[in-house]
């Protein structure tokens, strides 16, 4: 009798485990769908989602001026005239864009863009200066914090907000990102 109870207990534990695993797998969100945008010839960089079902990216063909293009799945695309020649870095909660206007140079064999960080209002109008000497930036989802990378005196700095140094390195820092909660800063340190 004791053995049959332990067998029944093991069978019950197995059923509970199987149900738990099924529930776990059923509650997982579906994998994202991948839909190609239009085919573009040239160098595509600085791609970002625009919060309206499309993607915004910079496209450079040969030595031509950088174009900023908004594209949607299904092939609809349009140039964003207020941003031509600029690099989109991030879209802020109010619909404005942080963009970079600068010059390109080679550094350690890699092309780097450095210049002025500007804000383009959702409604257009003149670009508003945010910070200078910037090579990368990101903004918190709610727009309350901006993080930038600068090259100052032979060293790279992560500043958040601009002017408040959070990290510094002799190696190149790049690609700052603020977590959706605004609690964490991430970046790439190429020093080692």
Protein backbone atom coordinates (compact mmCIF):
# COMPACT_ATOMS: atom_id res chain seq x y z
CA UNK A 1 0.00 0.00 0.00
CA UNK A 2 2.85 2.33 0.82
CA UNK A 3 4.45 1.76 -2.58
CA UNK A 4 1.18 2.53 -4.41
CA UNK A 5 0.89 5.84 -2.52
CA UNK A 6 4.44 6.83 -3.52
CA UNK A 7 3.71 5.87 -7.15
CA UNK A 8 0.51 7.91 -7.04
CA UNK A 9 2.44 10.85 -5.52
CA UNK A 10 5.09 10.64 -8.24
CA UNK A 11 2.42 10.48 -10.95
CA UNK A 12 0.63 13.50 -9.44
CA UNK A 13 3.92 15.44 -9.26
CA UNK A 14 4.61 14.60 -12.92
CA UNK A 15 1.14 15.81 -13.99
CA UNK A 16 1.57 19.06 -12.01
CA UNK A 17 5.00 19.61 -13.59
CA UNK A 18 3.63 19.02 -17.11
CA UNK A 19 0.73 21.44 -16.51
CA UNK A 20 3.12 24.07 -15.12
CA UNK A 21 5.40 23.76 -18.16
CA UNK A 22 2.42 24.00 -20.55
CA UNK A 23 1.14 27.09 -18.74
CA UNK A 24 4.59 28.69 -18.88
CA UNK A 25 4.95 28.11 -22.62
CA UNK A 26 1.37 29.23 -23.31
CA UNK A 27 1.89 32.51 -21.41
CA UNK A 28 5.03 33.53 -23.33
CA UNK A 29 4.52 36.36 -25.80
CA UNK A 30 4.75 35.41 -29.45
CA UNK A 31 8.07 35.87 -31.20
CA UNK A 32 8.37 39.13 -33.14
CA UNK A 33 7.53 39.11 -36.82
CA UNK A 34 10.27 40.21 -39.17
CA UNK A 35 9.13 42.17 -42.19
CA UNK A 36 11.68 43.60 -44.59
CA UNK A 37 11.38 47.24 -45.52
CA UNK A 38 12.15 48.41 -49.03
CA UNK A 39 15.49 47.49 -50.58
CA UNK A 40 17.90 50.41 -50.36
CA UNK A 41 21.29 50.81 -51.96
CA UNK A 42 23.89 52.50 -49.83
CA UNK A 43 24.96 52.61 -46.21
CA UNK A 44 22.06 52.41 -43.76
CA UNK A 45 22.76 53.38 -40.17
CA UNK A 46 21.13 54.85 -37.07
CA UNK A 47 17.85 52.96 -37.55
CA UNK A 48 15.19 53.66 -34.90
CA UNK A 49 11.50 52.86 -34.48
CA UNK A 50 9.39 55.99 -34.68
CA UNK A 51 6.56 54.96 -32.34
CA UNK A 52 4.01 55.12 -35.17
CA UNK A 53 4.57 51.76 -36.84
CA UNK A 54 7.54 52.77 -38.96
CA UNK A 55 11.30 52.95 -38.83
CA UNK A 56 13.46 56.01 -39.34
CA UNK A 57 17.03 55.62 -40.56
CA UNK A 58 19.89 57.45 -42.17
CA UNK A 59 20.90 56.43 -45.70
CA UNK A 60 24.05 57.53 -47.46
CA UNK A 61 24.77 56.62 -51.07
CA UNK A 62 28.41 57.15 -52.02
CA UNK A 63 29.59 60.61 -51.02
CA UNK A 64 26.12 62.13 -51.14
CA UNK A 65 24.47 63.94 -48.28
CA UNK A 66 22.83 61.67 -45.73
CA UNK A 67 19.10 61.31 -46.26
CA UNK A 68 16.75 60.53 -43.39
CA UNK A 69 13.97 58.20 -44.47
CA UNK A 70 10.85 56.90 -42.76
CA UNK A 71 9.71 53.50 -43.99
CA UNK A 72 6.82 51.20 -43.10
CA UNK A 73 6.38 47.51 -43.71
CA UNK A 74 4.60 47.14 -47.01
CA UNK A 75 6.86 49.53 -48.87
CA UNK A 76 5.58 53.01 -47.99
CA UNK A 77 8.54 55.31 -47.52
CA UNK A 78 9.16 59.02 -47.38
CA UNK A 79 12.05 61.39 -46.85
CA UNK A 80 11.97 63.48 -43.71
CA UNK A 81 12.96 66.86 -45.17
CA UNK A 82 13.61 68.61 -41.86
CA UNK A 83 16.27 66.03 -41.00
CA UNK A 84 18.25 65.73 -44.26
CA UNK A 85 22.00 65.67 -43.68
CA UNK A 86 21.48 64.71 -40.01
CA UNK A 87 21.65 61.40 -38.15
CA UNK A 88 18.58 60.41 -36.10
CA UNK A 89 19.65 59.18 -32.65
CA UNK A 90 16.39 58.75 -30.76
CA UNK A 91 12.74 59.72 -30.70
CA UNK A 92 11.49 61.33 -27.51
CA UNK A 93 8.11 60.76 -25.84
CA UNK A 94 6.74 64.07 -27.17
CA UNK A 95 7.47 63.01 -30.77
CA UNK A 96 10.57 65.18 -31.16
CA UNK A 97 13.85 63.69 -32.41
CA UNK A 98 17.38 64.04 -31.10
CA UNK A 99 19.66 64.26 -34.13
CA UNK A 100 23.37 64.68 -34.70
CA UNK A 101 24.89 67.16 -37.15
CA UNK A 102 28.60 66.77 -37.49
CA UNK A 103 31.64 65.66 -39.40
CA UNK A 104 32.92 62.17 -40.05
CA UNK A 105 36.48 61.10 -39.42
CA UNK A 106 38.37 57.84 -39.10
CA UNK A 107 39.38 56.81 -35.64
CA UNK A 108 41.16 53.51 -34.99
CA UNK A 109 40.05 52.36 -38.44
CA UNK A 110 36.36 53.09 -37.85
CA UNK A 111 34.29 55.97 -39.13
CA UNK A 112 33.07 58.20 -36.29
CA UNK A 113 30.55 61.04 -36.46
CA UNK A 114 30.99 63.84 -33.98
CA UNK A 115 29.17 67.15 -33.74
CA UNK A 116 26.18 68.99 -32.35
CA UNK A 117 23.25 67.26 -30.69
CA UNK A 118 20.03 69.00 -31.76
CA UNK A 119 16.33 68.56 -31.08
CA UNK A 120 13.81 68.61 -33.94
CA UNK A 121 10.29 69.29 -32.67
CA UNK A 122 7.52 66.99 -33.88
CA UNK A 123 5.92 69.97 -35.61
CA UNK A 124 9.17 70.90 -37.38
CA UNK A 125 10.62 74.38 -37.13
CA UNK A 126 14.21 75.32 -36.38
CA UNK A 127 16.55 72.81 -34.78
CA UNK A 128 17.19 73.51 -31.09
CA UNK A 129 20.75 72.98 -29.75
CA UNK A 130 21.08 70.48 -26.89
CA UNK A 131 24.82 69.83 -26.59
CA UNK A 132 28.02 70.04 -28.65
CA UNK A 133 30.98 67.71 -29.20
CA UNK A 134 28.72 64.64 -29.12
CA UNK A 135 29.32 61.31 -30.86
CA UNK A 136 26.30 59.41 -29.50
CA UNK A 137 23.18 60.04 -27.46
CA UNK A 138 19.97 58.54 -26.12
CA UNK A 139 16.99 59.85 -24.19
CA UNK A 140 14.82 58.24 -21.54
CA UNK A 141 11.41 57.18 -22.76
CA UNK A 142 9.73 60.00 -20.82
CA UNK A 143 12.30 62.56 -22.02
CA UNK A 144 13.54 63.47 -18.54
CA UNK A 145 17.12 62.26 -19.05
CA UNK A 146 19.54 62.56 -21.95
CA UNK A 147 22.83 60.61 -22.06
CA UNK A 148 25.66 61.65 -24.39
CA UNK A 149 29.13 60.44 -25.34
CA UNK A 150 31.82 63.11 -25.78
CA UNK A 151 35.52 63.05 -26.65
CA UNK A 152 37.27 65.59 -24.39
CA UNK A 153 41.02 65.98 -23.87
CA UNK A 154 41.89 62.59 -25.37
CA UNK A 155 39.34 60.76 -23.21
CA UNK A 156 35.79 59.61 -23.83
CA UNK A 157 33.02 60.48 -21.41
CA UNK A 158 29.53 59.20 -20.78
CA UNK A 159 27.50 62.11 -19.45
CA UNK A 160 23.94 61.92 -18.14
CA UNK A 161 22.58 64.55 -18.19
CA UNK A 162 25.07 66.42 -20.41
CA UNK A 163 27.75 67.94 -18.19
CA UNK A 164 27.53 65.24 -15.47
CA UNK A 165 30.26 62.62 -16.10
CA UNK A 166 29.13 59.06 -15.28
CA UNK A 167 32.02 57.13 -16.89
CA UNK A 168 35.33 58.02 -18.53
CA UNK A 169 37.83 56.01 -20.59
CA UNK A 170 40.89 56.39 -22.77
CA UNK A 171 39.26 53.90 -25.14
CA UNK A 172 36.29 54.84 -27.25
CA UNK A 173 32.87 54.83 -25.57
CA UNK A 174 29.86 54.56 -27.85
CA UNK A 175 26.18 53.70 -28.21
CA UNK A 176 24.72 55.03 -24.95
CA UNK A 177 21.31 53.60 -24.07
CA UNK A 178 18.92 54.42 -21.25
CA UNK A 179 16.72 51.56 -20.04
CA UNK A 180 12.93 51.91 -20.50
CA UNK A 181 12.58 52.45 -16.74
CA UNK A 182 15.21 55.22 -16.86
CA UNK A 183 17.09 53.47 -14.06
CA UNK A 184 20.04 52.04 -16.03
CA UNK A 185 22.62 53.40 -18.47
CA UNK A 186 24.35 51.07 -20.90
CA UNK A 187 27.19 51.81 -23.29
CA UNK A 188 30.01 50.09 -25.17
CA UNK A 189 33.57 50.58 -23.93
CA UNK A 190 36.10 49.78 -26.69
CA UNK A 191 39.15 50.25 -24.44
CA UNK A 192 39.96 46.62 -23.96
